[in-house]
Amino acid sequence: MHLTRRTFLRHCVACAGAMNLTPLVLRRLEAAVGGKIVPIVLWLPTAKFVAQEPDIELAPDSLVFAPTAVGTHADLALDIRNIGAADLHVHSLELVGLNKTGYSLVSPPAIPFTISPLTGTTVTVRFTPTLPRSYDYARLAVGSNDPDEPVVELALSGSGMN
């Protein structure tokens, strides 16, 4: 009996939200028996590969300030987390939107900064209304090296009162 071996590698994507690449290895042996080629297929266990990249997460997903008296301020904390498997490099923290002037960052980290995998850092956002009105339509934009979310935005809202 004469045996030859061919090895094939197929890639499948497991779409459980993680988009992990799962290789499926198929080994095919052919046996020459009585002048005929008879295929013998062996299925080997699959292995999962997790992409080695950063993944940014903001918590909470928005900051809603309680009504605040004009001339005073209120602070809320935001966690910037790296739930990925590689260092997250944050290269910008920017207040954007129509009412961005009602908000500021309290002692923000020096830009750029790095967040190791499975850790995070806290940033404090301050709301300081100057008029008795709504301060919706403002966001904190966080720029990083996350490959699928290079910029994430956090909605900010509050209202000034007399």
C-alpha atoms as a PDB file:
ATOM      1  CA  MET A   1       0.000   0.000   0.000  1.00  0.00           C
ATOM      2  CA  HIS A   2       1.359   3.410  -1.027  1.00  0.00           C
ATOM      3  CA  LEU A   3       0.281   6.526   0.952  1.00  0.00           C
ATOM      4  CA  THR A   4       0.521  10.150  -0.113  1.00  0.00           C
ATOM      5  CA  ARG A   5      -0.507  13.110   2.021  1.00  0.00           C
ATOM      6  CA  ARG A   6      -2.016  16.452   1.096  1.00  0.00           C
ATOM      7  CA  THR A   7      -2.716  19.099   3.678  1.00  0.00           C
ATOM      8  CA  PHE A   8      -5.324  21.769   3.137  1.00  0.00           C
ATOM      9  CA  LEU A   9      -5.978  24.864   5.228  1.00  0.00           C
ATOM     10  CA  ARG A  10      -9.342  26.586   5.049  1.00  0.00           C
ATOM     11  CA  HIS A  11     -10.238  29.738   6.937  1.00  0.00           C
ATOM     12  CA  CYS A  12     -13.654  30.241   8.447  1.00  0.00           C
ATOM     13  CA  VAL A  13     -14.872  33.256  10.355  1.00  0.00           C
ATOM     14  CA  ALA A  14     -16.728  32.642  13.605  1.00  0.00           C
ATOM     15  CA  CYS A  15     -19.263  35.461  13.728  1.00  0.00           C
ATOM     16  CA  ALA A  16     -19.991  35.433  17.442  1.00  0.00           C
ATOM     17  CA  GLY A  17     -19.365  39.173  17.565  1.00  0.00           C
ATOM     18  CA  ALA A  18     -15.607  38.708  17.980  1.00  0.00           C
ATOM     19  CA  MET A  19     -14.843  37.992  14.313  1.00  0.00           C
ATOM     20  CA  ASN A  20     -12.120  35.545  15.365  1.00  0.00           C
ATOM     21  CA  LEU A  21     -10.347  33.679  12.619  1.00  0.00           C
ATOM     22  CA  THR A  22     -10.767  29.932  13.062  1.00  0.00           C
ATOM     23  CA  PRO A  23      -8.547  27.723  10.908  1.00  0.00           C
ATOM     24  CA  LEU A  24      -9.971  24.373   9.924  1.00  0.00           C
ATOM     25  CA  VAL A  25      -7.235  21.898   9.072  1.00  0.00           C
ATOM     26  CA  LEU A  26      -8.138  19.012   6.809  1.00  0.00           C
ATOM     27  CA  ARG A  27      -5.647  16.252   6.187  1.00  0.00           C
ATOM     28  CA  ARG A  28      -6.351  13.972   3.305  1.00  0.00           C
ATOM     29  CA  LEU A  29      -4.503  10.738   2.938  1.00  0.00           C
ATOM     30  CA  GLU A  30      -4.768   8.713  -0.210  1.00  0.00           C
ATOM     31  CA  ALA A  31      -4.139   5.025  -0.117  1.00  0.00           C
ATOM     32  CA  ALA A  32      -3.355   3.084  -3.259  1.00  0.00           C
ATOM     33  CA  VAL A  33      -5.191  -0.202  -2.709  1.00  0.00           C
ATOM     34  CA  GLY A  34      -5.462  -2.695  -5.521  1.00  0.00           C
ATOM     35  CA  GLY A  35      -4.672  -0.066  -8.144  1.00  0.00           C
ATOM     36  CA  LYS A  36      -7.377   2.313  -6.839  1.00  0.00           C
ATOM     37  CA  ILE A  37      -6.852   5.591  -5.025  1.00  0.00           C
ATOM     38  CA  VAL A  38      -8.992   5.584  -1.871  1.00  0.00           C
ATOM     39  CA  PRO A  39      -9.275   8.906  -0.015  1.00  0.00           C
ATOM     40  CA  ILE A  40      -8.987   8.852   3.759  1.00  0.00           C
ATOM     41  CA  VAL A  41     -10.057  12.122   5.445  1.00  0.00           C
ATOM     42  CA  LEU A  42      -8.952  13.085   8.941  1.00  0.00           C
ATOM     43  CA  TRP A  43     -10.494  16.095  10.696  1.00  0.00           C
ATOM     44  CA  LEU A  44      -8.185  17.701  13.222  1.00  0.00           C
ATOM     45  CA  PRO A  45      -9.501  19.852  16.081  1.00  0.00           C
ATOM     46  CA  THR A  46      -9.906  23.503  15.196  1.00  0.00           C
ATOM     47  CA  ALA A  47      -7.979  26.235  16.973  1.00  0.00           C
ATOM     48  CA  LYS A  48      -9.168  29.765  17.622  1.00  0.00           C
ATOM     49  CA  PHE A  49      -6.973  32.747  16.976  1.00  0.00           C
ATOM     50  CA  VAL A  50      -7.816  36.016  18.719  1.00  0.00           C
ATOM     51  CA  ALA A  51      -6.707  39.126  16.898  1.00  0.00           C
ATOM     52  CA  GLN A  52      -3.927  40.935  18.743  1.00  0.00           C
ATOM     53  CA  GLU A  53      -5.343  44.431  18.472  1.00  0.00           C
ATOM     54  CA  PRO A  54      -6.688  47.127  20.786  1.00  0.00           C
ATOM     55  CA  ASP A  55     -10.414  47.609  21.337  1.00  0.00           C
ATOM     56  CA  ILE A  56     -11.703  50.841  22.901  1.00  0.00           C
ATOM     57  CA  GLU A  57     -14.759  51.018  25.140  1.00  0.00           C
ATOM     58  CA  LEU A  58     -16.245  54.072  26.862  1.00  0.00           C
ATOM     59  CA  ALA A  59     -18.278  53.673  30.046  1.00  0.00           C
ATOM     60  CA  PRO A  60     -20.847  54.957  30.512  1.00  0.00           C
ATOM     61  CA  ASP A  61     -21.971  55.420  26.919  1.00  0.00           C
ATOM     62  CA  SER A  62     -23.179  58.994  27.608  1.00  0.00           C
ATOM     63  CA  LEU A  63     -22.875  61.618  30.361  1.00  0.00           C
ATOM     64  CA  VAL A  64     -26.093  63.286  31.492  1.00  0.00           C
ATOM     65  CA  PHE A  65     -25.537  66.069  34.004  1.00  0.00           C
ATOM     66  CA  ALA A  66     -28.235  67.016  36.511  1.00  0.00           C
ATOM     67  CA  PRO A  67     -29.613  70.553  36.141  1.00  0.00           C
ATOM     68  CA  THR A  68     -26.806  72.838  37.324  1.00  0.00           C
ATOM     69  CA  ALA A  69     -27.001  76.439  38.556  1.00  0.00           C
ATOM     70  CA  VAL A  70     -25.431  79.031  36.292  1.00  0.00           C
ATOM     71  CA  GLY A  71     -22.003  80.013  37.624  1.00  0.00           C
ATOM     72  CA  THR A  72     -21.386  76.634  39.316  1.00  0.00           C
ATOM     73  CA  HIS A  73     -20.167  73.330  37.929  1.00  0.00           C
ATOM     74  CA  ALA A  74     -20.788  69.583  38.100  1.00  0.00           C
ATOM     75  CA  ASP A  75     -18.313  66.769  37.396  1.00  0.00           C
ATOM     76  CA  LEU A  76     -18.906  63.268  36.014  1.00  0.00           C
ATOM     77  CA  ALA A  77     -16.363  60.500  35.418  1.00  0.00           C
ATOM     78  CA  LEU A  78     -15.788  58.597  32.203  1.00  0.00           C
ATOM     79  CA  ASP A  79     -13.792  55.377  31.911  1.00  0.00           C
ATOM     80  CA  ILE A  80     -11.792  54.803  28.734  1.00  0.00           C
ATOM     81  CA  ARG A  81     -11.116  51.067  28.610  1.00  0.00           C
ATOM     82  CA  ASN A  82      -9.054  48.787  26.421  1.00  0.00           C
ATOM     83  CA  ILE A  83     -10.890  45.473  26.153  1.00  0.00           C
ATOM     84  CA  GLY A  84      -8.515  44.301  23.413  1.00  0.00           C
ATOM     85  CA  ALA A  85      -5.322  42.268  23.422  1.00  0.00           C
ATOM     86  CA  ALA A  86      -2.796  44.968  22.387  1.00  0.00           C
ATOM     87  CA  ASP A  87      -1.896  48.425  23.718  1.00  0.00           C
ATOM     88  CA  LEU A  88      -4.443  51.160  22.993  1.00  0.00           C
ATOM     89  CA  HIS A  89      -2.779  54.469  22.059  1.00  0.00           C
ATOM     90  CA  VAL A  90      -5.093  57.428  22.659  1.00  0.00           C
ATOM     91  CA  HIS A  91      -3.925  60.377  20.547  1.00  0.00           C
ATOM     92  CA  SER A  92      -6.790  62.854  21.042  1.00  0.00           C
ATOM     93  CA  LEU A  93      -9.496  63.940  23.486  1.00  0.00           C
ATOM     94  CA  GLU A  94     -11.589  66.698  21.935  1.00  0.00           C
ATOM     95  CA  LEU A  95     -14.847  68.367  22.892  1.00  0.00           C
ATOM     96  CA  VAL A  96     -16.982  68.869  19.760  1.00  0.00           C
ATOM     97  CA  GLY A  97     -20.487  69.996  18.881  1.00  0.00           C
ATOM     98  CA  LEU A  98     -22.754  73.021  19.077  1.00  0.00           C
ATOM     99  CA  ASN A  99     -22.594  73.404  22.874  1.00  0.00           C
ATOM    100  CA  LYS A 100     -19.048  72.206  23.550  1.00  0.00           C
ATOM    101  CA  THR A 101     -18.192  75.431  25.423  1.00  0.00           C
ATOM    102  CA  GLY A 102     -20.317  74.299  28.369  1.00  0.00           C
ATOM    103  CA  TYR A 103     -17.919  71.389  29.013  1.00  0.00           C
ATOM    104  CA  SER A 104     -14.272  70.943  29.894  1.00  0.00           C
ATOM    105  CA  LEU A 105     -11.899  68.174  30.966  1.00  0.00           C
ATOM    106  CA  VAL A 106     -10.574  68.265  34.529  1.00  0.00           C
ATOM    107  CA  SER A 107      -6.848  67.409  34.692  1.00  0.00           C
ATOM    108  CA  PRO A 108      -6.879  65.294  31.522  1.00  0.00           C
ATOM    109  CA  PRO A 109      -4.007  62.885  30.904  1.00  0.00           C
ATOM    110  CA  ALA A 110      -1.176  64.177  28.735  1.00  0.00           C
ATOM    111  CA  ILE A 111      -1.793  63.328  25.090  1.00  0.00           C
ATOM    112  CA  PRO A 112      -0.811  60.847  23.746  1.00  0.00           C
ATOM    113  CA  PHE A 113      -1.228  58.146  26.386  1.00  0.00           C
ATOM    114  CA  THR A 114      -1.333  54.351  26.349  1.00  0.00           C
ATOM    115  CA  ILE A 115      -3.824  51.984  27.953  1.00  0.00           C
ATOM    116  CA  SER A 116      -2.618  48.406  28.409  1.00  0.00           C
ATOM    117  CA  PRO A 117      -4.896  45.493  27.473  1.00  0.00           C
ATOM    118  CA  LEU A 118      -7.783  44.853  29.876  1.00  0.00           C
ATOM    119  CA  THR A 119      -7.202  48.090  31.803  1.00  0.00           C
ATOM    120  CA  GLY A 120      -8.507  51.621  31.627  1.00  0.00           C
ATOM    121  CA  THR A 121      -8.155  55.209  32.735  1.00  0.00           C
ATOM    122  CA  THR A 122     -10.667  57.679  34.134  1.00  0.00           C
ATOM    123  CA  VAL A 123     -11.295  61.135  32.686  1.00  0.00           C
ATOM    124  CA  THR A 124     -13.422  63.726  34.480  1.00  0.00           C
ATOM    125  CA  VAL A 125     -15.752  65.923  32.422  1.00  0.00           C
ATOM    126  CA  ARG A 126     -16.924  69.214  33.951  1.00  0.00           C
ATOM    127  CA  PHE A 127     -20.180  70.937  33.050  1.00  0.00           C
ATOM    128  CA  THR A 128     -20.207  74.722  33.687  1.00  0.00           C
ATOM    129  CA  PRO A 129     -23.335  76.408  32.352  1.00  0.00           C
ATOM    130  CA  THR A 130     -23.160  80.152  31.680  1.00  0.00           C
ATOM    131  CA  LEU A 131     -26.833  80.618  30.730  1.00  0.00           C
ATOM    132  CA  PRO A 132     -30.079  79.016  31.896  1.00  0.00           C
ATOM    133  CA  ARG A 133     -30.649  76.756  28.863  1.00  0.00           C
ATOM    134  CA  SER A 134     -30.015  73.299  27.443  1.00  0.00           C
ATOM    135  CA  TYR A 135     -26.430  72.262  26.650  1.00  0.00           C
ATOM    136  CA  ASP A 136     -27.220  69.225  24.513  1.00  0.00           C
ATOM    137  CA  TYR A 137     -25.468  68.624  21.186  1.00  0.00           C
ATOM    138  CA  ALA A 138     -21.994  68.272  22.621  1.00  0.00           C
ATOM    139  CA  ARG A 139     -19.692  65.240  22.490  1.00  0.00           C
ATOM    140  CA  LEU A 140     -16.299  64.099  23.673  1.00  0.00           C
ATOM    141  CA  ALA A 141     -14.404  62.580  20.723  1.00  0.00           C
ATOM    142  CA  VAL A 142     -11.669  60.080  21.634  1.00  0.00           C
ATOM    143  CA  GLY A 143      -9.150  59.243  18.892  1.00  0.00           C
ATOM    144  CA  SER A 144      -7.064  56.083  19.149  1.00  0.00           C
ATOM    145  CA  ASN A 145      -5.399  53.257  17.239  1.00  0.00           C
ATOM    146  CA  ASP A 146      -8.461  50.975  17.544  1.00  0.00           C
ATOM    147  CA  PRO A 147      -8.641  49.580  13.985  1.00  0.00           C
ATOM    148  CA  ASP A 148     -12.440  49.414  13.708  1.00  0.00           C
ATOM    149  CA  GLU A 149     -13.264  52.510  15.818  1.00  0.00           C
ATOM    150  CA  PRO A 150     -10.499  55.082  15.311  1.00  0.00           C
ATOM    151  CA  VAL A 151     -12.737  57.794  16.800  1.00  0.00           C
ATOM    152  CA  VAL A 152     -15.484  57.135  19.347  1.00  0.00           C
ATOM    153  CA  GLU A 153     -17.798  59.842  20.607  1.00  0.00           C
ATOM    154  CA  LEU A 154     -19.529  60.197  23.940  1.00  0.00           C
ATOM    155  CA  ALA A 155     -22.746  62.256  24.070  1.00  0.00           C
ATOM    156  CA  LEU A 156     -22.810  65.042  26.692  1.00  0.00           C
ATOM    157  CA  SER A 157     -25.969  66.743  27.908  1.00  0.00           C
ATOM    158  CA  GLY A 158     -26.966  69.078  30.696  1.00  0.00           C
ATOM    159  CA  SER A 159     -28.988  72.193  31.417  1.00  0.00           C
ATOM    160  CA  GLY A 160     -28.185  75.403  33.184  1.00  0.00           C
ATOM    161  CA  MET A 161     -30.693  76.877  35.647  1.00  0.00           C
ATOM    162  CA  ASN A 162     -31.020  80.101  37.661  1.00  0.00           C
END
